[in-house]
mmCIF file of all heavy atoms, coordinates in Angstrom:
data_MODEL
# 
_entry.id   MODEL 
# 
loop_
_atom_site.group_PDB 
_atom_site.id 
_atom_site.type_symbol 
_atom_site.label_atom_id 
_atom_site.label_alt_id 
_atom_site.label_comp_id 
_atom_site.label_asym_id 
_atom_site.label_entity_id 
_atom_site.label_seq_id 
_atom_site.pdbx_PDB_ins_code 
_atom_site.Cartn_x 
_atom_site.Cartn_y 
_atom_site.Cartn_z 
_atom_site.occupancy 
_atom_site.B_iso_or_equiv 
_atom_site.pdbx_formal_charge 
_atom_site.auth_seq_id 
_atom_site.auth_comp_id 
_atom_site.auth_asym_id 
_atom_site.auth_atom_id 
_atom_site.pdbx_PDB_model_num 
ATOM 1   N N   . LEU A 1 1  ? 208.464 133.736 76.491 1.00 0.00 ? 1  LEU A N   1 
ATOM 2   C CA  . LEU A 1 1  ? 207.105 134.152 76.128 1.00 0.00 ? 1  LEU A CA  1 
ATOM 3   C C   . LEU A 1 1  ? 206.107 133.806 77.219 1.00 0.00 ? 1  LEU A C   1 
ATOM 4   O O   . LEU A 1 1  ? 206.275 132.854 77.970 1.00 0.00 ? 1  LEU A O   1 
ATOM 5   C CB  . LEU A 1 1  ? 206.681 133.478 74.816 1.00 0.00 ? 1  LEU A CB  1 
ATOM 6   C CG  . LEU A 1 1  ? 207.638 133.592 73.622 1.00 0.00 ? 1  LEU A CG  1 
ATOM 7   C CD1 . LEU A 1 1  ? 207.038 132.904 72.406 1.00 0.00 ? 1  LEU A CD1 1 
ATOM 8   C CD2 . LEU A 1 1  ? 207.960 135.045 73.327 1.00 0.00 ? 1  LEU A CD2 1 
ATOM 9   N N   . CYS A 1 2  ? 205.031 134.591 77.260 1.00 0.00 ? 2  CYS A N   1 
ATOM 10  C CA  . CYS A 1 2  ? 203.898 134.338 78.158 1.00 0.00 ? 2  CYS A CA  1 
ATOM 11  C C   . CYS A 1 2  ? 202.647 134.267 77.292 1.00 0.00 ? 2  CYS A C   1 
ATOM 12  O O   . CYS A 1 2  ? 202.236 135.269 76.694 1.00 0.00 ? 2  CYS A O   1 
ATOM 13  C CB  . CYS A 1 2  ? 203.775 135.454 79.196 1.00 0.00 ? 2  CYS A CB  1 
ATOM 14  S SG  . CYS A 1 2  ? 202.330 135.308 80.284 1.00 0.00 ? 2  CYS A SG  1 
ATOM 15  N N   . PHE A 1 3  ? 202.042 133.087 77.200 1.00 0.00 ? 3  PHE A N   1 
ATOM 16  C CA  . PHE A 1 3  ? 200.862 132.883 76.365 1.00 0.00 ? 3  PHE A CA  1 
ATOM 17  C C   . PHE A 1 3  ? 199.596 133.085 77.187 1.00 0.00 ? 3  PHE A C   1 
ATOM 18  O O   . PHE A 1 3  ? 199.473 132.556 78.296 1.00 0.00 ? 3  PHE A O   1 
ATOM 19  C CB  . PHE A 1 3  ? 200.869 131.472 75.773 1.00 0.00 ? 3  PHE A CB  1 
ATOM 20  C CG  . PHE A 1 3  ? 201.974 131.231 74.790 1.00 0.00 ? 3  PHE A CG  1 
ATOM 21  C CD1 . PHE A 1 3  ? 203.207 130.745 75.215 1.00 0.00 ? 3  PHE A CD1 1 
ATOM 22  C CD2 . PHE A 1 3  ? 201.804 131.508 73.449 1.00 0.00 ? 3  PHE A CD2 1 
ATOM 23  C CE1 . PHE A 1 3  ? 204.239 130.531 74.311 1.00 0.00 ? 3  PHE A CE1 1 
ATOM 24  C CE2 . PHE A 1 3  ? 202.830 131.295 72.531 1.00 0.00 ? 3  PHE A CE2 1 
ATOM 25  C CZ  . PHE A 1 3  ? 204.051 130.811 72.968 1.00 0.00 ? 3  PHE A CZ  1 
ATOM 26  N N   . TYR A 1 4  ? 198.669 133.863 76.626 1.00 0.00 ? 4  TYR A N   1 
ATOM 27  C CA  . TYR A 1 4  ? 197.398 134.114 77.307 1.00 0.00 ? 4  TYR A CA  1 
ATOM 28  C C   . TYR A 1 4  ? 196.243 133.680 76.402 1.00 0.00 ? 4  TYR A C   1 
ATOM 29  O O   . TYR A 1 4  ? 196.106 134.177 75.283 1.00 0.00 ? 4  TYR A O   1 
ATOM 30  C CB  . TYR A 1 4  ? 197.255 135.597 77.658 1.00 0.00 ? 4  TYR A CB  1 
ATOM 31  C CG  . TYR A 1 4  ? 195.915 135.927 78.276 1.00 0.00 ? 4  TYR A CG  1 
ATOM 32  C CD1 . TYR A 1 4  ? 195.435 135.193 79.361 1.00 0.00 ? 4  TYR A CD1 1 
ATOM 33  C CD2 . TYR A 1 4  ? 195.126 136.945 77.769 1.00 0.00 ? 4  TYR A CD2 1 
ATOM 34  C CE1 . TYR A 1 4  ? 194.199 135.473 79.923 1.00 0.00 ? 4  TYR A CE1 1 
ATOM 35  C CE2 . TYR A 1 4  ? 193.891 137.238 78.333 1.00 0.00 ? 4  TYR A CE2 1 
ATOM 36  C CZ  . TYR A 1 4  ? 193.435 136.494 79.398 1.00 0.00 ? 4  TYR A CZ  1 
ATOM 37  O OH  . TYR A 1 4  ? 192.212 136.749 79.947 1.00 0.00 ? 4  TYR A OH  1 
ATOM 38  N N   . ARG A 1 5  ? 195.416 132.763 76.895 1.00 0.00 ? 5  ARG A N   1 
ATOM 39  C CA  . ARG A 1 5  ? 194.343 132.169 76.100 1.00 0.00 ? 5  ARG A CA  1 
ATOM 40  C C   . ARG A 1 5  ? 192.951 132.596 76.539 1.00 0.00 ? 5  ARG A C   1 
ATOM 41  O O   . ARG A 1 5  ? 191.965 132.021 76.085 1.00 0.00 ? 5  ARG A O   1 
ATOM 42  C CB  . ARG A 1 5  ? 194.444 130.644 76.175 1.00 0.00 ? 5  ARG A CB  1 
ATOM 43  C CG  . ARG A 1 5  ? 195.722 130.069 75.576 1.00 0.00 ? 5  ARG A CG  1 
ATOM 44  C CD  . ARG A 1 5  ? 195.816 128.581 75.876 1.00 0.00 ? 5  ARG A CD  1 
ATOM 45  N NE  . ARG A 1 5  ? 196.946 127.940 75.178 1.00 0.00 ? 5  ARG A NE  1 
ATOM 46  C CZ  . ARG A 1 5  ? 197.329 126.684 75.405 1.00 0.00 ? 5  ARG A CZ  1 
ATOM 47  N NH1 . ARG A 1 5  ? 196.693 125.952 76.314 1.00 0.00 ? 5  ARG A NH1 1 
ATOM 48  N NH2 . ARG A 1 5  ? 198.345 126.173 74.731 1.00 0.00 ? 5  ARG A NH2 1 
ATOM 49  N N   . GLY A 1 6  ? 192.859 133.604 77.389 1.00 0.00 ? 6  GLY A N   1 
ATOM 50  C CA  . GLY A 1 6  ? 191.550 133.945 77.946 1.00 0.00 ? 6  GLY A CA  1 
ATOM 51  C C   . GLY A 1 6  ? 190.924 135.209 77.415 1.00 0.00 ? 6  GLY A C   1 
ATOM 52  O O   . GLY A 1 6  ? 189.879 135.640 77.912 1.00 0.00 ? 6  GLY A O   1 
ATOM 53  N N   . CYS A 1 7  ? 191.516 135.850 76.403 1.00 0.00 ? 7  CYS A N   1 
ATOM 54  C CA  . CYS A 1 7  ? 191.013 137.146 75.938 1.00 0.00 ? 7  CYS A CA  1 
ATOM 55  C C   . CYS A 1 7  ? 189.798 136.985 75.025 1.00 0.00 ? 7  CYS A C   1 
ATOM 56  O O   . CYS A 1 7  ? 189.739 136.070 74.201 1.00 0.00 ? 7  CYS A O   1 
ATOM 57  C CB  . CYS A 1 7  ? 192.110 137.899 75.202 1.00 0.00 ? 7  CYS A CB  1 
ATOM 58  S SG  . CYS A 1 7  ? 191.666 139.587 74.724 1.00 0.00 ? 7  CYS A SG  1 
ATOM 59  N N   . GLN A 1 8  ? 188.834 137.893 75.171 1.00 0.00 ? 8  GLN A N   1 
ATOM 60  C CA  . GLN A 1 8  ? 187.650 137.923 74.324 1.00 0.00 ? 8  GLN A CA  1 
ATOM 61  C C   . GLN A 1 8  ? 187.368 139.343 73.856 1.00 0.00 ? 8  GLN A C   1 
ATOM 62  O O   . GLN A 1 8  ? 187.676 140.310 74.559 1.00 0.00 ? 8  GLN A O   1 
ATOM 63  C CB  . GLN A 1 8  ? 186.419 137.383 75.071 1.00 0.00 ? 8  GLN A CB  1 
ATOM 64  C CG  . GLN A 1 8  ? 186.524 135.915 75.452 1.00 0.00 ? 8  GLN A CG  1 
ATOM 65  C CD  . GLN A 1 8  ? 185.259 135.386 76.100 1.00 0.00 ? 8  GLN A CD  1 
ATOM 66  O OE1 . GLN A 1 8  ? 184.508 136.124 76.734 1.00 0.00 ? 8  GLN A OE1 1 
ATOM 67  N NE2 . GLN A 1 8  ? 184.997 134.097 75.927 1.00 0.00 ? 8  GLN A NE2 1 
ATOM 68  N N   . VAL A 1 9  ? 186.798 139.452 72.654 1.00 0.00 ? 9  VAL A N   1 
ATOM 69  C CA  . VAL A 1 9  ? 186.381 140.743 72.104 1.00 0.00 ? 9  VAL A CA  1 
ATOM 70  C C   . VAL A 1 9  ? 184.901 140.657 71.759 1.00 0.00 ? 9  VAL A C   1 
ATOM 71  O O   . VAL A 1 9  ? 184.254 139.629 72.000 1.00 0.00 ? 9  VAL A O   1 
ATOM 72  C CB  . VAL A 1 9  ? 187.215 141.128 70.866 1.00 0.00 ? 9  VAL A CB  1 
ATOM 73  C CG1 . VAL A 1 9  ? 188.681 141.303 71.245 1.00 0.00 ? 9  VAL A CG1 1 
ATOM 74  C CG2 . VAL A 1 9  ? 187.088 140.084 69.763 1.00 0.00 ? 9  VAL A CG2 1 
ATOM 75  N N   . ASP A 1 10 ? 184.345 141.724 71.194 1.00 0.00 ? 10 ASP A N   1 
ATOM 76  C CA  . ASP A 1 10 ? 182.911 141.776 70.963 1.00 0.00 ? 10 ASP A CA  1 
ATOM 77  C C   . ASP A 1 10 ? 182.487 141.594 69.512 1.00 0.00 ? 10 ASP A C   1 
ATOM 78  O O   . ASP A 1 10 ? 181.333 141.268 69.245 1.00 0.00 ? 10 ASP A O   1 
ATOM 79  C CB  . ASP A 1 10 ? 182.346 143.121 71.450 1.00 0.00 ? 10 ASP A CB  1 
ATOM 80  C CG  . ASP A 1 10 ? 182.497 143.311 72.944 1.00 0.00 ? 10 ASP A CG  1 
ATOM 81  O OD1 . ASP A 1 10 ? 182.273 142.338 73.683 1.00 0.00 ? 10 ASP A OD1 1 
ATOM 82  O OD2 . ASP A 1 10 ? 182.849 144.425 73.371 1.00 0.00 ? 10 ASP A OD2 1 
ATOM 83  N N   . SER A 1 11 ? 183.389 141.839 68.566 1.00 0.00 ? 11 SER A N   1 
ATOM 84  C CA  . SER A 1 11 ? 182.967 141.914 67.177 1.00 0.00 ? 11 SER A CA  1 
ATOM 85  C C   . SER A 1 11 ? 183.540 140.784 66.335 1.00 0.00 ? 11 SER A C   1 
ATOM 86  O O   . SER A 1 11 ? 184.668 140.341 66.548 1.00 0.00 ? 11 SER A O   1 
ATOM 87  C CB  . SER A 1 11 ? 183.391 143.255 66.567 1.00 0.00 ? 11 SER A CB  1 
ATOM 88  O OG  . SER A 1 11 ? 182.989 143.337 65.214 1.00 0.00 ? 11 SER A OG  1 
ATOM 89  N N   . VAL A 1 12 ? 182.754 140.336 65.333 1.00 0.00 ? 12 VAL A N   1 
ATOM 90  C CA  . VAL A 1 12 ? 183.238 139.341 64.377 1.00 0.00 ? 12 VAL A CA  1 
ATOM 91  C C   . VAL A 1 12 ? 183.638 139.986 63.057 1.00 0.00 ? 12 VAL A C   1 
ATOM 92  O O   . VAL A 1 12 ? 184.028 139.298 62.119 1.00 0.00 ? 12 VAL A O   1 
ATOM 93  C CB  . VAL A 1 12 ? 182.172 138.248 64.101 1.00 0.00 ? 12 VAL A CB  1 
ATOM 94  C CG1 . VAL A 1 12 ? 181.908 137.434 65.339 1.00 0.00 ? 12 VAL A CG1 1 
ATOM 95  C CG2 . VAL A 1 12 ? 180.891 138.862 63.550 1.00 0.00 ? 12 VAL A CG2 1 
ATOM 96  N N   . ASN A 1 13 ? 183.535 141.302 62.973 1.00 0.00 ? 13 ASN A N   1 
ATOM 97  C CA  . ASN A 1 13 ? 183.887 142.017 61.747 1.00 0.00 ? 13 ASN A CA  1 
ATOM 98  C C   . ASN A 1 13 ? 185.279 142.628 61.880 1.00 0.00 ? 13 ASN A C   1 
ATOM 99  O O   . ASN A 1 13 ? 185.621 143.206 62.908 1.00 0.00 ? 13 ASN A O   1 
ATOM 100 C CB  . ASN A 1 13 ? 182.864 143.116 61.456 1.00 0.00 ? 13 ASN A CB  1 
ATOM 101 C CG  . ASN A 1 13 ? 181.482 142.538 61.203 1.00 0.00 ? 13 ASN A CG  1 
ATOM 102 O OD1 . ASN A 1 13 ? 181.336 141.574 60.465 1.00 0.00 ? 13 ASN A OD1 1 
ATOM 103 N ND2 . ASN A 1 13 ? 180.476 143.119 61.836 1.00 0.00 ? 13 ASN A ND2 1 
ATOM 104 N N   . HIS A 1 14 ? 186.065 142.539 60.813 1.00 0.00 ? 14 HIS A N   1 
ATOM 105 C CA  . HIS A 1 14 ? 187.462 142.979 60.880 1.00 0.00 ? 14 HIS A CA  1 
ATOM 106 C C   . HIS A 1 14 ? 187.632 144.442 61.291 1.00 0.00 ? 14 HIS A C   1 
ATOM 107 O O   . HIS A 1 14 ? 188.376 144.734 62.240 1.00 0.00 ? 14 HIS A O   1 
ATOM 108 C CB  . HIS A 1 14 ? 188.164 142.737 59.541 1.00 0.00 ? 14 HIS A CB  1 
ATOM 109 C CG  . HIS A 1 14 ? 188.391 141.300 59.232 1.00 0.00 ? 14 HIS A CG  1 
ATOM 110 N ND1 . HIS A 1 14 ? 189.275 140.512 59.931 1.00 0.00 ? 14 HIS A ND1 1 
ATOM 111 C CD2 . HIS A 1 14 ? 187.823 140.492 58.299 1.00 0.00 ? 14 HIS A CD2 1 
ATOM 112 C CE1 . HIS A 1 14 ? 189.263 139.281 59.433 1.00 0.00 ? 14 HIS A CE1 1 
ATOM 113 N NE2 . HIS A 1 14 ? 188.389 139.242 58.439 1.00 0.00 ? 14 HIS A NE2 1 
ATOM 114 N N   . PRO A 1 15 ? 186.993 145.407 60.613 1.00 0.00 ? 15 PRO A N   1 
ATOM 115 C CA  . PRO A 1 15 ? 187.262 146.808 60.983 1.00 0.00 ? 15 PRO A CA  1 
ATOM 116 C C   . PRO A 1 15 ? 186.890 147.131 62.419 1.00 0.00 ? 15 PRO A C   1 
ATOM 117 O O   . PRO A 1 15 ? 187.671 147.776 63.139 1.00 0.00 ? 15 PRO A O   1 
ATOM 118 C CB  . PRO A 1 15 ? 186.413 147.605 59.982 1.00 0.00 ? 15 PRO A CB  1 
ATOM 119 C CG  . PRO A 1 15 ? 186.188 146.677 58.837 1.00 0.00 ? 15 PRO A CG  1 
ATOM 120 C CD  . PRO A 1 15 ? 186.101 145.319 59.442 1.00 0.00 ? 15 PRO A CD  1 
ATOM 121 N N   . THR A 1 16 ? 185.707 146.685 62.856 1.00 0.00 ? 16 THR A N   1 
ATOM 122 C CA  . THR A 1 16 ? 185.284 147.004 64.220 1.00 0.00 ? 16 THR A CA  1 
ATOM 123 C C   . THR A 1 16 ? 186.129 146.272 65.258 1.00 0.00 ? 16 THR A C   1 
ATOM 124 O O   . THR A 1 16 ? 186.427 146.815 66.325 1.00 0.00 ? 16 THR A O   1 
ATOM 125 C CB  . THR A 1 16 ? 183.797 146.671 64.412 1.00 0.00 ? 16 THR A CB  1 
ATOM 126 O OG1 . THR A 1 16 ? 183.542 145.320 63.972 1.00 0.00 ? 16 THR A OG1 1 
ATOM 127 C CG2 . THR A 1 16 ? 182.913 147.616 63.614 1.00 0.00 ? 16 THR A CG2 1 
ATOM 128 N N   . ALA A 1 17 ? 186.529 145.036 64.954 1.00 0.00 ? 17 ALA A N   1 
ATOM 129 C CA  . ALA A 1 17 ? 187.395 144.304 65.881 1.00 0.00 ? 17 ALA A CA  1 
ATOM 130 C C   . ALA A 1 17 ? 188.786 144.924 65.938 1.00 0.00 ? 17 ALA A C   1 
ATOM 131 O O   . ALA A 1 17 ? 189.413 144.987 67.000 1.00 0.00 ? 17 ALA A O   1 
ATOM 132 C CB  . ALA A 1 17 ? 187.486 142.837 65.470 1.00 0.00 ? 17 ALA A CB  1 
ATOM 133 N N   . MET A 1 18 ? 189.289 145.402 64.797 1.00 0.00 ? 18 MET A N   1 
ATOM 134 C CA  . MET A 1 18 ? 190.577 146.087 64.784 1.00 0.00 ? 18 MET A CA  1 
ATOM 135 C C   . MET A 1 18 ? 190.517 147.353 65.622 1.00 0.00 ? 18 MET A C   1 
ATOM 136 O O   . MET A 1 18 ? 191.430 147.641 66.418 1.00 0.00 ? 18 MET A O   1 
ATOM 137 C CB  . MET A 1 18 ? 190.969 146.428 63.348 1.00 0.00 ? 18 MET A CB  1 
ATOM 138 C CG  . MET A 1 18 ? 191.462 145.252 62.533 1.00 0.00 ? 18 MET A CG  1 
ATOM 139 S SD  . MET A 1 18 ? 193.083 144.657 63.053 1.00 0.00 ? 18 MET A SD  1 
ATOM 140 C CE  . MET A 1 18 ? 194.103 146.033 62.541 1.00 0.00 ? 18 MET A CE  1 
ATOM 141 N N   . TYR A 1 19 ? 189.450 148.122 65.445 1.00 0.00 ? 19 TYR A N   1 
ATOM 142 C CA  . TYR A 1 19 ? 189.304 149.345 66.240 1.00 0.00 ? 19 TYR A CA  1 
ATOM 143 C C   . TYR A 1 19 ? 189.275 149.012 67.731 1.00 0.00 ? 19 TYR A C   1 
ATOM 144 O O   . TYR A 1 19 ? 189.894 149.698 68.545 1.00 0.00 ? 19 TYR A O   1 
ATOM 145 C CB  . TYR A 1 19 ? 188.018 150.088 65.861 1.00 0.00 ? 19 TYR A CB  1 
ATOM 146 C CG  . TYR A 1 19 ? 188.065 150.809 64.534 1.00 0.00 ? 19 TYR A CG  1 
ATOM 147 C CD1 . TYR A 1 19 ? 186.900 150.996 63.781 1.00 0.00 ? 19 TYR A CD1 1 
ATOM 148 C CD2 . TYR A 1 19 ? 189.253 151.327 64.029 1.00 0.00 ? 19 TYR A CD2 1 
ATOM 149 C CE1 . TYR A 1 19 ? 186.935 151.672 62.566 1.00 0.00 ? 19 TYR A CE1 1 
ATOM 150 C CE2 . TYR A 1 19 ? 189.293 151.995 62.818 1.00 0.00 ? 19 TYR A CE2 1 
ATOM 151 C CZ  . TYR A 1 19 ? 188.129 152.165 62.089 1.00 0.00 ? 19 TYR A CZ  1 
ATOM 152 O OH  . TYR A 1 19 ? 188.159 152.830 60.889 1.00 0.00 ? 19 TYR A OH  1 
ATOM 153 N N   . GLN A 1 20 ? 188.535 147.954 68.087 1.00 0.00 ? 20 GLN A N   1 
ATOM 154 C CA  . GLN A 1 20 ? 188.431 147.626 69.510 1.00 0.00 ? 20 GLN A CA  1 
ATOM 155 C C   . GLN A 1 20 ? 189.772 147.168 70.078 1.00 0.00 ? 20 GLN A C   1 
ATOM 156 O O   . GLN A 1 20 ? 190.147 147.568 71.185 1.00 0.00 ? 20 GLN A O   1 
ATOM 157 C CB  . GLN A 1 20 ? 187.379 146.541 69.737 1.00 0.00 ? 20 GLN A CB  1 
ATOM 158 C CG  . GLN A 1 20 ? 187.123 146.293 71.220 1.00 0.00 ? 20 GLN A CG  1 
ATOM 159 C CD  . GLN A 1 20 ? 185.946 145.386 71.472 1.00 0.00 ? 20 GLN A CD  1 
ATOM 160 O OE1 . GLN A 1 20 ? 185.784 144.366 70.817 1.00 0.00 ? 20 GLN A OE1 1 
ATOM 161 N NE2 . GLN A 1 20 ? 185.105 145.752 72.423 1.00 0.00 ? 20 GLN A NE2 1 
ATOM 162 N N   . MET A 1 21 ? 190.507 146.367 69.320 1.00 0.00 ? 21 MET A N   1 
ATOM 163 C CA  . MET A 1 21 ? 191.805 145.913 69.820 1.00 0.00 ? 21 MET A CA  1 
ATOM 164 C C   . MET A 1 21 ? 192.783 147.078 69.933 1.00 0.00 ? 21 MET A C   1 
ATOM 165 O O   . MET A 1 21 ? 193.606 147.115 70.854 1.00 0.00 ? 21 MET A O   1 
ATOM 166 C CB  . MET A 1 21 ? 192.368 144.831 68.888 1.00 0.00 ? 21 MET A CB  1 
ATOM 167 C CG  . MET A 1 21 ? 193.682 144.232 69.350 1.00 0.00 ? 21 MET A CG  1 
ATOM 168 S SD  . MET A 1 21 ? 193.629 143.502 71.013 1.00 0.00 ? 21 MET A SD  1 
ATOM 169 C CE  . MET A 1 21 ? 192.633 142.028 70.699 1.00 0.00 ? 21 MET A CE  1 
ATOM 170 N N   . ASN A 1 22 ? 192.686 148.026 69.034 1.00 0.00 ? 22 ASN A N   1 
ATOM 171 C CA  . ASN A 1 22 ? 193.637 149.139 69.025 1.00 0.00 ? 22 ASN A CA  1 
ATOM 172 C C   . ASN A 1 22 ? 193.209 150.321 69.889 1.00 0.00 ? 22 ASN A C   1 
ATOM 173 O O   . ASN A 1 22 ? 194.064 151.048 70.409 1.00 0.00 ? 22 ASN A O   1 
ATOM 174 C CB  . ASN A 1 22 ? 193.862 149.632 67.591 1.00 0.00 ? 22 ASN A CB  1 
ATOM 175 C CG  . ASN A 1 22 ? 194.822 148.754 66.819 1.00 0.00 ? 22 ASN A CG  1 
ATOM 176 O OD1 . ASN A 1 22 ? 195.864 148.368 67.334 1.00 0.00 ? 22 ASN A OD1 1 
ATOM 177 N ND2 . ASN A 1 22 ? 194.477 148.417 65.584 1.00 0.00 ? 22 ASN A ND2 1 
ATOM 178 N N   . THR A 1 23 ? 191.910 150.568 70.010 1.00 0.00 ? 23 THR A N   1 
ATOM 179 C CA  . THR A 1 23 ? 191.437 151.778 70.694 1.00 0.00 ? 23 THR A CA  1 
ATOM 180 C C   . THR A 1 23 ? 190.458 151.521 71.831 1.00 0.00 ? 23 THR A C   1 
ATOM 181 O O   . THR A 1 23 ? 190.141 152.454 72.569 1.00 0.00 ? 23 THR A O   1 
ATOM 182 C CB  . THR A 1 23 ? 190.744 152.730 69.692 1.00 0.00 ? 23 THR A CB  1 
ATOM 183 O OG1 . THR A 1 23 ? 189.450 152.208 69.346 1.00 0.00 ? 23 THR A OG1 1 
ATOM 184 C CG2 . THR A 1 23 ? 191.561 152.899 68.421 1.00 0.00 ? 23 THR A CG2 1 
ATOM 185 N N   . GLY A 1 24 ? 189.961 150.293 71.955 1.00 0.00 ? 24 GLY A N   1 
ATOM 186 C CA  . GLY A 1 24 ? 188.956 150.004 72.965 1.00 0.00 ? 24 GLY A CA  1 
ATOM 187 C C   . GLY A 1 24 ? 187.535 150.276 72.512 1.00 0.00 ? 24 GLY A C   1 
ATOM 188 O O   . GLY A 1 24 ? 186.584 149.909 73.186 1.00 0.00 ? 24 GLY A O   1 
ATOM 189 N N   . ASN A 1 25 ? 187.386 150.919 71.361 1.00 0.00 ? 25 ASN A N   1 
ATOM 190 C CA  . ASN A 1 25 ? 186.066 151.298 70.844 1.00 0.00 ? 25 ASN A CA  1 
ATOM 191 C C   . ASN A 1 25 ? 185.850 150.635 69.491 1.00 0.00 ? 25 ASN A C   1 
ATOM 192 O O   . ASN A 1 25 ? 186.650 150.816 68.569 1.00 0.00 ? 25 ASN A O   1 
ATOM 193 C CB  . ASN A 1 25 ? 185.983 152.821 70.712 1.00 0.00 ? 25 ASN A CB  1 
ATOM 194 C CG  . ASN A 1 25 ? 184.633 153.305 70.224 1.00 0.00 ? 25 ASN A CG  1 
ATOM 195 O OD1 . ASN A 1 25 ? 183.764 152.514 69.846 1.00 0.00 ? 25 ASN A OD1 1 
ATOM 196 N ND2 . ASN A 1 25 ? 184.441 154.609 70.215 1.00 0.00 ? 25 ASN A ND2 1 
# 
């Protein structure tokens, strides 16, 4: 395994964060 601890996203809400992780938007 390769563990990466530096990733960040923009949203604290589940649907919008899911969309961003899956689609970038």
